[in-house]
PDB file of N, CA and C in Angstrom:
ATOM      1  N   MET A   1       0.474  -0.310 -13.854  1.00  0.00           N
ATOM      2  CA  MET A   1      -0.280  -1.010 -14.790  1.00  0.00           C
ATOM      3  C   MET A   1      -1.761  -1.203 -14.248  1.00  0.00           C
ATOM      4  N   LEU A   2      -2.684  -0.855 -15.082  1.00  0.00           N
ATOM      5  CA  LEU A   2      -4.116  -0.975 -14.615  1.00  0.00           C
ATOM      6  C   LEU A   2      -4.550  -2.408 -14.977  1.00  0.00           C
ATOM      7  N   GLN A   3      -5.306  -2.984 -14.083  1.00  0.00           N
ATOM      8  CA  GLN A   3      -5.892  -4.278 -14.267  1.00  0.00           C
ATOM      9  C   GLN A   3      -7.041  -4.506 -13.397  1.00  0.00           C
ATOM     10  N   THR A   4      -7.813  -5.519 -13.660  1.00  0.00           N
ATOM     11  CA  THR A   4      -8.894  -5.921 -12.786  1.00  0.00           C
ATOM     12  C   THR A   4      -8.573  -7.190 -12.151  1.00  0.00           C
ATOM     13  N   LEU A   5      -8.544  -7.195 -10.856  1.00  0.00           N
ATOM     14  CA  LEU A   5      -8.249  -8.390  -9.990  1.00  0.00           C
ATOM     15  C   LEU A   5      -9.492  -8.742  -9.178  1.00  0.00           C
ATOM     16  N   HIS A   6     -10.086  -9.879  -9.459  1.00  0.00           N
ATOM     17  CA  HIS A   6     -11.260 -10.355  -8.731  1.00  0.00           C
ATOM     18  C   HIS A   6     -12.336  -9.207  -8.653  1.00  0.00           C
ATOM     19  N   GLY A   7     -12.590  -8.588  -9.742  1.00  0.00           N
ATOM     20  CA  GLY A   7     -13.568  -7.560  -9.850  1.00  0.00           C
ATOM     21  C   GLY A   7     -13.252  -6.218  -9.342  1.00  0.00           C
ATOM     22  N   VAL A   8     -11.923  -6.038  -8.910  1.00  0.00           N
ATOM     23  CA  VAL A   8     -11.484  -4.721  -8.300  1.00  0.00           C
ATOM     24  C   VAL A   8     -10.538  -4.057  -9.338  1.00  0.00           C
ATOM     25  N   SER A   9     -10.904  -2.871  -9.659  1.00  0.00           N
ATOM     26  CA  SER A   9     -10.062  -2.095 -10.530  1.00  0.00           C
ATOM     27  C   SER A   9      -8.727  -1.741  -9.787  1.00  0.00           C
ATOM     28  N   THR A  10      -7.561  -2.203 -10.314  1.00  0.00           N
ATOM     29  CA  THR A  10      -6.380  -2.106  -9.543  1.00  0.00           C
ATOM     30  C   THR A  10      -5.271  -1.497 -10.361  1.00  0.00           C
ATOM     31  N   TYR A  11      -4.462  -0.666  -9.705  1.00  0.00           N
ATOM     32  CA  TYR A  11      -3.193  -0.141 -10.341  1.00  0.00           C
ATOM     33  C   TYR A  11      -2.088  -0.697  -9.595  1.00  0.00           C
ATOM     34  N   VAL A  12      -1.183  -1.350 -10.345  1.00  0.00           N
ATOM     35  CA  VAL A  12       0.053  -1.944  -9.718  1.00  0.00           C
ATOM     36  C   VAL A  12       1.119  -0.997  -9.998  1.00  0.00           C
ATOM     37  N   VAL A  13       1.810  -0.403  -8.893  1.00  0.00           N
ATOM     38  CA  VAL A  13       2.938   0.504  -9.085  1.00  0.00           C
ATOM     39  C   VAL A  13       4.097  -0.388  -9.593  1.00  0.00           C
ATOM     40  N   PRO A  14       4.716   0.115 -10.652  1.00  0.00           N
ATOM     41  CA  PRO A  14       5.820  -0.606 -11.243  1.00  0.00           C
ATOM     42  C   PRO A  14       6.966  -0.825 -10.211  1.00  0.00           C
ATOM     43  N   ALA A  15       7.544  -1.951 -10.219  1.00  0.00           N
ATOM     44  CA  ALA A  15       8.613  -2.295  -9.232  1.00  0.00           C
ATOM     45  C   ALA A  15       9.800  -1.342  -9.420  1.00  0.00           C
ATOM     46  N   ASP A  16      10.008  -0.855 -10.681  1.00  0.00           N
ATOM     47  CA  ASP A  16      11.151   0.003 -10.903  1.00  0.00           C
ATOM     48  C   ASP A  16      10.858   1.479 -10.901  1.00  0.00           C
ATOM     49  N   SER A  17       9.711   1.834 -10.342  1.00  0.00           N
ATOM     50  CA  SER A  17       9.317   3.330 -10.267  1.00  0.00           C
ATOM     51  C   SER A  17       9.989   3.915  -9.067  1.00  0.00           C
ATOM     52  N   ALA A  18       9.804   5.188  -8.960  1.00  0.00           N
ATOM     53  CA  ALA A  18      10.411   6.049  -7.928  1.00  0.00           C
ATOM     54  C   ALA A  18       9.834   5.632  -6.584  1.00  0.00           C
ATOM     55  N   LYS A  19      10.664   5.779  -5.518  1.00  0.00           N
ATOM     56  CA  LYS A  19      10.133   5.452  -4.185  1.00  0.00           C
ATOM     57  C   LYS A  19       8.996   6.377  -3.776  1.00  0.00           C
ATOM     58  N   LEU A  20       8.027   5.817  -3.039  1.00  0.00           N
ATOM     59  CA  LEU A  20       6.952   6.674  -2.452  1.00  0.00           C
ATOM     60  C   LEU A  20       7.540   7.104  -1.012  1.00  0.00           C
ATOM     61  N   ASP A  21       8.169   8.230  -1.056  1.00  0.00           N
ATOM     62  CA  ASP A  21       8.945   8.670   0.179  1.00  0.00           C
ATOM     63  C   ASP A  21       8.229   9.762   0.979  1.00  0.00           C
ATOM     64  N   GLY A  22       6.997  10.076   0.613  1.00  0.00           N
ATOM     65  CA  GLY A  22       6.223  11.073   1.327  1.00  0.00           C
ATOM     66  C   GLY A  22       4.959  11.499   0.668  1.00  0.00           C
ATOM     67  N   GLU A  23       4.306  12.506   1.172  1.00  0.00           N
ATOM     68  CA  GLU A  23       2.972  12.907   0.619  1.00  0.00           C
ATOM     69  C   GLU A  23       3.054  13.376  -0.778  1.00  0.00           C
ATOM     70  N   GLN A  24       4.110  14.159  -1.198  1.00  0.00           N
ATOM     71  CA  GLN A  24       4.210  14.664  -2.554  1.00  0.00           C
ATOM     72  C   GLN A  24       4.302  13.576  -3.535  1.00  0.00           C
ATOM     73  N   ALA A  25       5.057  12.462  -3.243  1.00  0.00           N
ATOM     74  CA  ALA A  25       5.155  11.403  -4.161  1.00  0.00           C
ATOM     75  C   ALA A  25       3.810  10.668  -4.326  1.00  0.00           C
ATOM     76  N   VAL A  26       3.036  10.639  -3.279  1.00  0.00           N
ATOM     77  CA  VAL A  26       1.711  10.034  -3.417  1.00  0.00           C
ATOM     78  C   VAL A  26       0.730  10.913  -4.147  1.00  0.00           C
ATOM     79  N   VAL A  27       0.833  12.135  -3.912  1.00  0.00           N
ATOM     80  CA  VAL A  27      -0.017  13.115  -4.650  1.00  0.00           C
ATOM     81  C   VAL A  27       0.286  13.036  -6.152  1.00  0.00           C
ATOM     82  N   ASP A  28       1.609  12.936  -6.468  1.00  0.00           N
ATOM     83  CA  ASP A  28       1.955  12.817  -7.832  1.00  0.00           C
ATOM     84  C   ASP A  28       1.372  11.451  -8.462  1.00  0.00           C
ATOM     85  N   LEU A  29       1.503  10.449  -7.711  1.00  0.00           N
ATOM     86  CA  LEU A  29       0.941   9.096  -8.195  1.00  0.00           C
ATOM     87  C   LEU A  29      -0.593   9.178  -8.396  1.00  0.00           C
ATOM     88  N   ILE A  30      -1.214   9.679  -7.433  1.00  0.00           N
ATOM     89  CA  ILE A  30      -2.736   9.955  -7.432  1.00  0.00           C
ATOM     90  C   ILE A  30      -3.078  10.784  -8.740  1.00  0.00           C
ATOM     91  N   GLY A  31      -2.233  11.830  -8.935  1.00  0.00           N
ATOM     92  CA  GLY A  31      -2.482  12.734 -10.104  1.00  0.00           C
ATOM     93  C   GLY A  31      -2.403  11.882 -11.411  1.00  0.00           C
ATOM     94  N   GLN A  32      -1.534  11.016 -11.421  1.00  0.00           N
ATOM     95  CA  GLN A  32      -1.430  10.157 -12.650  1.00  0.00           C
ATOM     96  C   GLN A  32      -2.676   9.256 -12.859  1.00  0.00           C
ATOM     97  N   LEU A  33      -3.195   8.837 -11.706  1.00  0.00           N
ATOM     98  CA  LEU A  33      -4.385   7.940 -11.776  1.00  0.00           C
ATOM     99  C   LEU A  33      -5.608   8.717 -11.906  1.00  0.00           C
ATOM    100  N   TRP A  34      -5.647  10.008 -11.760  1.00  0.00           N
ATOM    101  CA  TRP A  34      -6.821  10.811 -11.669  1.00  0.00           C
ATOM    102  C   TRP A  34      -7.756  10.529 -12.940  1.00  0.00           C
ATOM    103  N   GLY A  35      -9.048  10.357 -12.796  1.00  0.00           N
ATOM    104  CA  GLY A  35      -9.928  10.151 -13.904  1.00  0.00           C
ATOM    105  C   GLY A  35      -9.946   8.796 -14.448  1.00  0.00           C
ATOM    106  N   GLN A  36      -9.195   7.908 -13.851  1.00  0.00           N
ATOM    107  CA  GLN A  36      -9.241   6.457 -14.217  1.00  0.00           C
ATOM    108  C   GLN A  36     -10.044   5.758 -13.047  1.00  0.00           C
ATOM    109  N   ASP A  37     -10.639   4.648 -13.402  1.00  0.00           N
ATOM    110  CA  ASP A  37     -11.455   3.894 -12.457  1.00  0.00           C
ATOM    111  C   ASP A  37     -10.578   3.047 -11.645  1.00  0.00           C
ATOM    112  N   VAL A  38      -9.983   3.523 -10.544  1.00  0.00           N
ATOM    113  CA  VAL A  38      -9.040   2.793  -9.758  1.00  0.00           C
ATOM    114  C   VAL A  38      -9.557   2.705  -8.272  1.00  0.00           C
ATOM    115  N   ASP A  39      -9.657   1.482  -7.764  1.00  0.00           N
ATOM    116  CA  ASP A  39     -10.103   1.327  -6.380  1.00  0.00           C
ATOM    117  C   ASP A  39      -8.973   0.905  -5.541  1.00  0.00           C
ATOM    118  N   LEU A  40      -7.975   0.202  -6.029  1.00  0.00           N
ATOM    119  CA  LEU A  40      -6.937  -0.323  -5.180  1.00  0.00           C
ATOM    120  C   LEU A  40      -5.578   0.046  -5.854  1.00  0.00           C
ATOM    121  N   VAL A  41      -4.661   0.499  -5.053  1.00  0.00           N
ATOM    122  CA  VAL A  41      -3.289   0.693  -5.488  1.00  0.00           C
ATOM    123  C   VAL A  41      -2.367  -0.348  -4.824  1.00  0.00           C
ATOM    124  N   VAL A  42      -1.667  -1.093  -5.653  1.00  0.00           N
ATOM    125  CA  VAL A  42      -0.737  -2.163  -5.107  1.00  0.00           C
ATOM    126  C   VAL A  42       0.673  -1.530  -5.201  1.00  0.00           C
ATOM    127  N   VAL A  43       1.267  -1.505  -3.994  1.00  0.00           N
ATOM    128  CA  VAL A  43       2.590  -0.902  -3.845  1.00  0.00           C
ATOM    129  C   VAL A  43       3.620  -2.021  -3.480  1.00  0.00           C
ATOM    130  N   PRO A  44       4.616  -2.235  -4.358  1.00  0.00           N
ATOM    131  CA  PRO A  44       5.580  -3.216  -3.881  1.00  0.00           C
ATOM    132  C   PRO A  44       6.386  -2.581  -2.704  1.00  0.00           C
ATOM    133  N   ALA A  45       6.541  -3.443  -1.688  1.00  0.00           N
ATOM    134  CA  ALA A  45       7.215  -2.989  -0.463  1.00  0.00           C
ATOM    135  C   ALA A  45       8.535  -2.236  -0.641  1.00  0.00           C
ATOM    136  N   GLU A  46       9.231  -2.629  -1.751  1.00  0.00           N
ATOM    137  CA  GLU A  46      10.560  -2.005  -1.940  1.00  0.00           C
ATOM    138  C   GLU A  46      10.370  -0.645  -2.545  1.00  0.00           C
ATOM    139  N   ARG A  47       9.215  -0.204  -2.850  1.00  0.00           N
ATOM    140  CA  ARG A  47       8.972   1.175  -3.367  1.00  0.00           C
ATOM    141  C   ARG A  47       8.742   2.136  -2.139  1.00  0.00           C
ATOM    142  N   LEU A  48       8.682   1.613  -0.880  1.00  0.00           N
ATOM    143  CA  LEU A  48       8.526   2.403   0.273  1.00  0.00           C
ATOM    144  C   LEU A  48       9.936   2.631   0.943  1.00  0.00           C
ATOM    145  N   THR A  49      10.141   3.736   1.509  1.00  0.00           N
ATOM    146  CA  THR A  49      11.411   3.986   2.227  1.00  0.00           C
ATOM    147  C   THR A  49      11.336   3.430   3.614  1.00  0.00           C
ATOM    148  N   ASP A  50      12.558   3.186   4.167  1.00  0.00           N
ATOM    149  CA  ASP A  50      12.635   2.696   5.552  1.00  0.00           C
ATOM    150  C   ASP A  50      11.823   3.597   6.474  1.00  0.00           C
ATOM    151  N   ASP A  51      11.763   4.964   6.245  1.00  0.00           N
ATOM    152  CA  ASP A  51      10.932   5.808   7.092  1.00  0.00           C
ATOM    153  C   ASP A  51       9.479   5.390   7.154  1.00  0.00           C
ATOM    154  N   PHE A  52       8.928   4.922   6.112  1.00  0.00           N
ATOM    155  CA  PHE A  52       7.548   4.391   6.134  1.00  0.00           C
ATOM    156  C   PHE A  52       7.396   3.407   7.217  1.00  0.00           C
ATOM    157  N   PHE A  53       8.344   2.517   7.431  1.00  0.00           N
ATOM    158  CA  PHE A  53       8.243   1.372   8.394  1.00  0.00           C
ATOM    159  C   PHE A  53       8.676   1.761   9.803  1.00  0.00           C
ATOM    160  N   ARG A  54       9.152   3.032   9.971  1.00  0.00           N
ATOM    161  CA  ARG A  54       9.447   3.569  11.278  1.00  0.00           C
ATOM    162  C   ARG A  54       8.253   4.486  11.566  1.00  0.00           C
ATOM    163  N   LEU A  55       7.256   4.024  12.261  1.00  0.00           N
ATOM    164  CA  LEU A  55       6.020   4.753  12.451  1.00  0.00           C
ATOM    165  C   LEU A  55       6.239   6.155  13.089  1.00  0.00           C
ATOM    166  N   ARG A  56       7.181   6.201  13.919  1.00  0.00           N
ATOM    167  CA  ARG A  56       7.434   7.515  14.645  1.00  0.00           C
ATOM    168  C   ARG A  56       7.794   8.649  13.683  1.00  0.00           C
ATOM    169  N   THR A  57       8.181   8.377  12.438  1.00  0.00           N
ATOM    170  CA  THR A  57       8.506   9.332  11.463  1.00  0.00           C
ATOM    171  C   THR A  57       7.232  10.057  10.978  1.00  0.00           C
ATOM    172  N   GLY A  58       6.063   9.337  11.018  1.00  0.00           N
ATOM    173  CA  GLY A  58       4.888   9.851  10.457  1.00  0.00           C
ATOM    174  C   GLY A  58       4.658   9.688   8.981  1.00  0.00           C
ATOM    175  N   VAL A  59       5.605   9.130   8.323  1.00  0.00           N
ATOM    176  CA  VAL A  59       5.577   8.945   6.879  1.00  0.00           C
ATOM    177  C   VAL A  59       4.454   7.902   6.440  1.00  0.00           C
ATOM    178  N   ALA A  60       4.392   6.836   7.186  1.00  0.00           N
ATOM    179  CA  ALA A  60       3.288   5.845   6.908  1.00  0.00           C
ATOM    180  C   ALA A  60       1.913   6.586   6.980  1.00  0.00           C
ATOM    181  N   GLY A  61       1.700   7.211   8.139  1.00  0.00           N
ATOM    182  CA  GLY A  61       0.387   7.889   8.352  1.00  0.00           C
ATOM    183  C   GLY A  61       0.143   8.882   7.263  1.00  0.00           C
ATOM    184  N   ALA A  62       1.066   9.718   6.854  1.00  0.00           N
ATOM    185  CA  ALA A  62       0.842  10.727   5.811  1.00  0.00           C
ATOM    186  C   ALA A  62       0.491  10.051   4.498  1.00  0.00           C
ATOM    187  N   ILE A  63       1.302   8.972   4.106  1.00  0.00           N
ATOM    188  CA  ILE A  63       0.999   8.391   2.863  1.00  0.00           C
ATOM    189  C   ILE A  63      -0.338   7.676   2.847  1.00  0.00           C
ATOM    190  N   VAL A  64      -0.659   7.000   3.844  1.00  0.00           N
ATOM    191  CA  VAL A  64      -1.964   6.210   3.866  1.00  0.00           C
ATOM    192  C   VAL A  64      -3.060   7.262   3.884  1.00  0.00           C
ATOM    193  N   GLN A  65      -2.972   8.295   4.632  1.00  0.00           N
ATOM    194  CA  GLN A  65      -4.021   9.304   4.664  1.00  0.00           C
ATOM    195  C   GLN A  65      -4.329   9.909   3.375  1.00  0.00           C
ATOM    196  N   LYS A  66      -3.221  10.156   2.555  1.00  0.00           N
ATOM    197  CA  LYS A  66      -3.453  10.761   1.231  1.00  0.00           C
ATOM    198  C   LYS A  66      -4.325   9.759   0.389  1.00  0.00           C
ATOM    199  N   PHE A  67      -3.926   8.507   0.390  1.00  0.00           N
ATOM    200  CA  PHE A  67      -4.757   7.560  -0.361  1.00  0.00           C
ATOM    201  C   PHE A  67      -6.194   7.527   0.123  1.00  0.00           C
ATOM    202  N   VAL A  68      -6.399   7.522   1.445  1.00  0.00           N
ATOM    203  CA  VAL A  68      -7.722   7.462   2.000  1.00  0.00           C
ATOM    204  C   VAL A  68      -8.537   8.693   1.520  1.00  0.00           C
ATOM    205  N   ASN A  69      -7.834   9.882   1.614  1.00  0.00           N
ATOM    206  CA  ASN A  69      -8.509  11.145   1.296  1.00  0.00           C
ATOM    207  C   ASN A  69      -9.022  11.132  -0.191  1.00  0.00           C
ATOM    208  N   TYR A  70      -8.375  10.359  -1.028  1.00  0.00           N
ATOM    209  CA  TYR A  70      -8.796  10.261  -2.441  1.00  0.00           C
ATOM    210  C   TYR A  70      -9.554   8.981  -2.745  1.00  0.00           C
ATOM    211  N   GLY A  71      -9.962   8.315  -1.671  1.00  0.00           N
ATOM    212  CA  GLY A  71     -10.888   7.130  -1.801  1.00  0.00           C
ATOM    213  C   GLY A  71     -10.169   5.910  -2.375  1.00  0.00           C
ATOM    214  N   LEU A  72      -8.939   5.817  -2.189  1.00  0.00           N
ATOM    215  CA  LEU A  72      -8.167   4.669  -2.751  1.00  0.00           C
ATOM    216  C   LEU A  72      -7.719   3.719  -1.614  1.00  0.00           C
ATOM    217  N   ARG A  73      -7.960   2.372  -1.867  1.00  0.00           N
ATOM    218  CA  ARG A  73      -7.348   1.386  -0.939  1.00  0.00           C
ATOM    219  C   ARG A  73      -5.936   1.087  -1.412  1.00  0.00           C
ATOM    220  N   VAL A  74      -5.176   0.554  -0.448  1.00  0.00           N
ATOM    221  CA  VAL A  74      -3.756   0.276  -0.677  1.00  0.00           C
ATOM    222  C   VAL A  74      -3.412  -1.070  -0.230  1.00  0.00           C
ATOM    223  N   ALA A  75      -2.637  -1.854  -1.022  1.00  0.00           N
ATOM    224  CA  ALA A  75      -2.043  -3.105  -0.600  1.00  0.00           C
ATOM    225  C   ALA A  75      -0.546  -2.976  -0.805  1.00  0.00           C
ATOM    226  N   VAL A  76       0.226  -3.208   0.284  1.00  0.00           N
ATOM    227  CA  VAL A  76       1.717  -3.298   0.205  1.00  0.00           C
ATOM    228  C   VAL A  76       1.996  -4.751   0.047  1.00  0.00           C
ATOM    229  N   VAL A  77       2.707  -4.986  -1.046  1.00  0.00           N
ATOM    230  CA  VAL A  77       3.035  -6.404  -1.330  1.00  0.00           C
ATOM    231  C   VAL A  77       4.577  -6.612  -1.268  1.00  0.00           C
ATOM    232  N   GLY A  78       4.956  -7.578  -0.386  1.00  0.00           N
ATOM    233  CA  GLY A  78       6.344  -7.950  -0.294  1.00  0.00           C
ATOM    234  C   GLY A  78       6.713  -8.263   1.131  1.00  0.00           C
ATOM    235  N   ASP A  79       7.939  -8.758   1.285  1.00  0.00           N
ATOM    236  CA  ASP A  79       8.439  -9.255   2.544  1.00  0.00           C
ATOM    237  C   ASP A  79       8.881  -8.047   3.429  1.00  0.00           C
ATOM    238  N   ILE A  80       8.058  -7.781   4.475  1.00  0.00           N
ATOM    239  CA  ILE A  80       8.443  -6.733   5.482  1.00  0.00           C
ATOM    240  C   ILE A  80       8.762  -7.288   6.796  1.00  0.00           C
ATOM    241  N   SER A  81       9.058  -8.576   6.850  1.00  0.00           N
ATOM    242  CA  SER A  81       9.222  -9.311   8.093  1.00  0.00           C
ATOM    243  C   SER A  81      10.438  -8.648   8.869  1.00  0.00           C
ATOM    244  N   GLY A  82      11.422  -8.219   8.323  1.00  0.00           N
ATOM    245  CA  GLY A  82      12.528  -7.593   9.017  1.00  0.00           C
ATOM    246  C   GLY A  82      12.091  -6.288   9.770  1.00  0.00           C
ATOM    247  N   HIS A  83      11.331  -5.513   9.074  1.00  0.00           N
ATOM    248  CA  HIS A  83      10.735  -4.300   9.707  1.00  0.00           C
ATOM    249  C   HIS A  83       9.828  -4.651  10.859  1.00  0.00           C
ATOM    250  N   VAL A  84       8.928  -5.606  10.674  1.00  0.00           N
ATOM    251  CA  VAL A  84       7.992  -6.041  11.630  1.00  0.00           C
ATOM    252  C   VAL A  84       8.647  -6.599  12.834  1.00  0.00           C
ATOM    253  N   GLU A  85       9.645  -7.417  12.608  1.00  0.00           N
ATOM    254  CA  GLU A  85      10.408  -8.007  13.844  1.00  0.00           C
ATOM    255  C   GLU A  85      11.129  -6.946  14.615  1.00  0.00           C
ATOM    256  N   ALA A  86      11.518  -5.857  14.013  1.00  0.00           N
ATOM    257  CA  ALA A  86      12.178  -4.809  14.627  1.00  0.00           C
ATOM    258  C   ALA A  86      11.383  -3.802  15.422  1.00  0.00           C
ATOM    259  N   SER A  87       9.929  -3.860  15.267  1.00  0.00           N
ATOM    260  CA  SER A  87       9.153  -2.823  15.815  1.00  0.00           C
ATOM    261  C   SER A  87       7.762  -3.504  16.231  1.00  0.00           C
ATOM    262  N   THR A  88       7.476  -3.391  17.488  1.00  0.00           N
ATOM    263  CA  THR A  88       6.217  -3.895  18.040  1.00  0.00           C
ATOM    264  C   THR A  88       5.086  -3.030  17.501  1.00  0.00           C
ATOM    265  N   SER A  89       5.351  -1.704  17.439  1.00  0.00           N
ATOM    266  CA  SER A  89       4.290  -0.753  16.920  1.00  0.00           C
ATOM    267  C   SER A  89       3.956  -1.091  15.461  1.00  0.00           C
ATOM    268  N   LEU A  90       4.964  -1.366  14.732  1.00  0.00           N
ATOM    269  CA  LEU A  90       4.713  -1.692  13.227  1.00  0.00           C
ATOM    270  C   LEU A  90       3.956  -2.957  13.186  1.00  0.00           C
ATOM    271  N   ARG A  91       4.325  -4.019  13.997  1.00  0.00           N
ATOM    272  CA  ARG A  91       3.585  -5.289  13.985  1.00  0.00           C
ATOM    273  C   ARG A  91       2.176  -5.081  14.291  1.00  0.00           C
ATOM    274  N   ASP A  92       1.861  -4.188  15.266  1.00  0.00           N
ATOM    275  CA  ASP A  92       0.426  -3.977  15.628  1.00  0.00           C
ATOM    276  C   ASP A  92      -0.228  -3.224  14.555  1.00  0.00           C
ATOM    277  N   PHE A  93       0.477  -2.260  13.914  1.00  0.00           N
ATOM    278  CA  PHE A  93      -0.097  -1.515  12.816  1.00  0.00           C
ATOM    279  C   PHE A  93      -0.516  -2.440  11.646  1.00  0.00           C
ATOM    280  N   VAL A  94       0.391  -3.328  11.284  1.00  0.00           N
ATOM    281  CA  VAL A  94       0.137  -4.265  10.235  1.00  0.00           C
ATOM    282  C   VAL A  94      -1.015  -5.157  10.540  1.00  0.00           C
ATOM    283  N   HIS A  95      -1.044  -5.664  11.769  1.00  0.00           N
ATOM    284  CA  HIS A  95      -2.141  -6.566  12.172  1.00  0.00           C
ATOM    285  C   HIS A  95      -3.486  -5.856  12.092  1.00  0.00           C
ATOM    286  N   GLU A  96      -3.532  -4.689  12.727  1.00  0.00           N
ATOM    287  CA  GLU A  96      -4.794  -3.949  12.563  1.00  0.00           C
ATOM    288  C   GLU A  96      -5.210  -3.539  11.199  1.00  0.00           C
ATOM    289  N   SER A  97      -4.287  -3.129  10.350  1.00  0.00           N
ATOM    290  CA  SER A  97      -4.580  -2.793   8.976  1.00  0.00           C
ATOM    291  C   SER A  97      -5.170  -3.904   8.257  1.00  0.00           C
ATOM    292  N   ASN A  98      -4.579  -5.172   8.458  1.00  0.00           N
ATOM    293  CA  ASN A  98      -5.025  -6.368   7.747  1.00  0.00           C
ATOM    294  C   ASN A  98      -6.396  -6.789   8.195  1.00  0.00           C
ATOM    295  N   ARG A  99      -6.885  -6.320   9.297  1.00  0.00           N
ATOM    296  CA  ARG A  99      -8.270  -6.626   9.760  1.00  0.00           C
ATOM    297  C   ARG A  99      -9.293  -5.768   9.048  1.00  0.00           C
ATOM    298  N   ARG A 100      -8.878  -4.775   8.365  1.00  0.00           N
ATOM    299  CA  ARG A 100      -9.767  -3.803   7.746  1.00  0.00           C
ATOM    300  C   ARG A 100      -9.634  -3.893   6.295  1.00  0.00           C
ATOM    301  N   THR A 101     -10.163  -2.953   5.507  1.00  0.00           N
ATOM    302  CA  THR A 101     -10.137  -3.040   4.054  1.00  0.00           C
ATOM    303  C   THR A 101      -9.462  -1.923   3.345  1.00  0.00           C
ATOM    304  N   GLN A 102      -9.004  -0.898   4.160  1.00  0.00           N
ATOM    305  CA  GLN A 102      -8.384   0.295   3.504  1.00  0.00           C
ATOM    306  C   GLN A 102      -6.889   0.026   3.201  1.00  0.00           C
ATOM    307  N   LEU A 103      -6.189  -0.709   4.030  1.00  0.00           N
ATOM    308  CA  LEU A 103      -4.769  -0.986   3.916  1.00  0.00           C
ATOM    309  C   LEU A 103      -4.375  -2.368   4.251  1.00  0.00           C
ATOM    310  N   TRP A 104      -3.743  -3.053   3.302  1.00  0.00           N
ATOM    311  CA  TRP A 104      -3.394  -4.429   3.559  1.00  0.00           C
ATOM    312  C   TRP A 104      -1.855  -4.576   3.395  1.00  0.00           C
ATOM    313  N   PHE A 105      -1.278  -5.417   4.186  1.00  0.00           N
ATOM    314  CA  PHE A 105       0.116  -5.811   3.952  1.00  0.00           C
ATOM    315  C   PHE A 105       0.078  -7.357   3.597  1.00  0.00           C
ATOM    316  N   VAL A 106       0.539  -7.697   2.507  1.00  0.00           N
ATOM    317  CA  VAL A 106       0.559  -9.068   2.088  1.00  0.00           C
ATOM    318  C   VAL A 106       1.921  -9.496   1.618  1.00  0.00           C
ATOM    319  N   ARG A 107       2.237 -10.785   1.807  1.00  0.00           N
ATOM    320  CA  ARG A 107       3.605 -11.314   1.452  1.00  0.00           C
ATOM    321  C   ARG A 107       3.863 -11.305  -0.049  1.00  0.00           C
ATOM    322  N   ASP A 108       2.839 -11.609  -0.788  1.00  0.00           N
ATOM    323  CA  ASP A 108       3.085 -11.758  -2.280  1.00  0.00           C
ATOM    324  C   ASP A 108       1.763 -11.649  -3.051  1.00  0.00           C
ATOM    325  N   GLU A 109       1.844 -11.678  -4.324  1.00  0.00           N
ATOM    326  CA  GLU A 109       0.635 -11.495  -5.189  1.00  0.00           C
ATOM    327  C   GLU A 109      -0.387 -12.553  -4.948  1.00  0.00           C
ATOM    328  N   ALA A 110       0.112 -13.809  -4.660  1.00  0.00           N
ATOM    329  CA  ALA A 110      -0.818 -14.915  -4.420  1.00  0.00           C
ATOM    330  C   ALA A 110      -1.739 -14.602  -3.123  1.00  0.00           C
ATOM    331  N   GLU A 111      -1.072 -14.031  -2.122  1.00  0.00           N
ATOM    332  CA  GLU A 111      -1.889 -13.645  -0.925  1.00  0.00           C
ATOM    333  C   GLU A 111      -2.831 -12.476  -1.250  1.00  0.00           C
ATOM    334  N   LEU A 112      -2.403 -11.576  -2.088  1.00  0.00           N
ATOM    335  CA  LEU A 112      -3.257 -10.473  -2.483  1.00  0.00           C
ATOM    336  C   LEU A 112      -4.479 -11.001  -3.216  1.00  0.00           C
ATOM    337  N   HIS A 113      -4.320 -11.929  -4.144  1.00  0.00           N
ATOM    338  CA  HIS A 113      -5.376 -12.538  -4.939  1.00  0.00           C
ATOM    339  C   HIS A 113      -6.316 -13.297  -3.927  1.00  0.00           C
ATOM    340  N   GLU A 114      -5.810 -13.943  -3.019  1.00  0.00           N
ATOM    341  CA  GLU A 114      -6.607 -14.647  -1.999  1.00  0.00           C
ATOM    342  C   GLU A 114      -7.491 -13.677  -1.208  1.00  0.00           C
ATOM    343  N   ARG A 115      -6.901 -12.559  -0.783  1.00  0.00           N
ATOM    344  CA  ARG A 115      -7.623 -11.598  -0.013  1.00  0.00           C
ATOM    345  C   ARG A 115      -8.727 -10.976  -0.824  1.00  0.00           C
ATOM    346  N   LEU A 116      -8.348 -10.655  -2.073  1.00  0.00           N
ATOM    347  CA  LEU A 116      -9.390 -10.038  -2.971  1.00  0.00           C
ATOM    348  C   LEU A 116     -10.573 -10.977  -3.197  1.00  0.00           C
ATOM    349  N   ALA A 117     -10.228 -12.232  -3.522  1.00  0.00           N
ATOM    350  CA  ALA A 117     -11.233 -13.292  -3.741  1.00  0.00           C
ATOM    351  C   ALA A 117     -12.143 -13.537  -2.616  1.00  0.00           C
ATOM    352  N   ASN A 118     -11.671 -13.397  -1.392  1.00  0.00           N
ATOM    353  CA  ASN A 118     -12.394 -13.658  -0.215  1.00  0.00           C
ATOM    354  C   ASN A 118     -13.083 -12.338   0.318  1.00  0.00           C
ATOM    355  N   ALA A 119     -12.839 -11.197  -0.282  1.00  0.00           N
ATOM    356  CA  ALA A 119     -13.318  -9.994   0.289  1.00  0.00           C
ATOM    357  C   ALA A 119     -14.841  -9.735  -0.110  1.00  0.00           C
TER     358      ALA A 119
END
């Protein structure tokens, strides 16, 4: 669903959509958005596979890089605390990502709205 949040053109991936399980799924999503004025893609955490959260698989890097290549920012929304607690590397990745503007991990929509309002 396309919407504007705090002046940012945003596409929210439906919670019941297919999993973003790799580069092709992201390319397909970007293809659906092509030609629309989208700056930020909001991905519910449950739309990502466990491999995304296991950094050694390379899935997170490949997915994020596709979005970056097409000039799109990404916000992963949802509780990923179990994944973060299980991996120091993921914890560091989330922390560093949240310090920047290209990729954010937020607990819920309220935190996303707060980040956008303060950006």
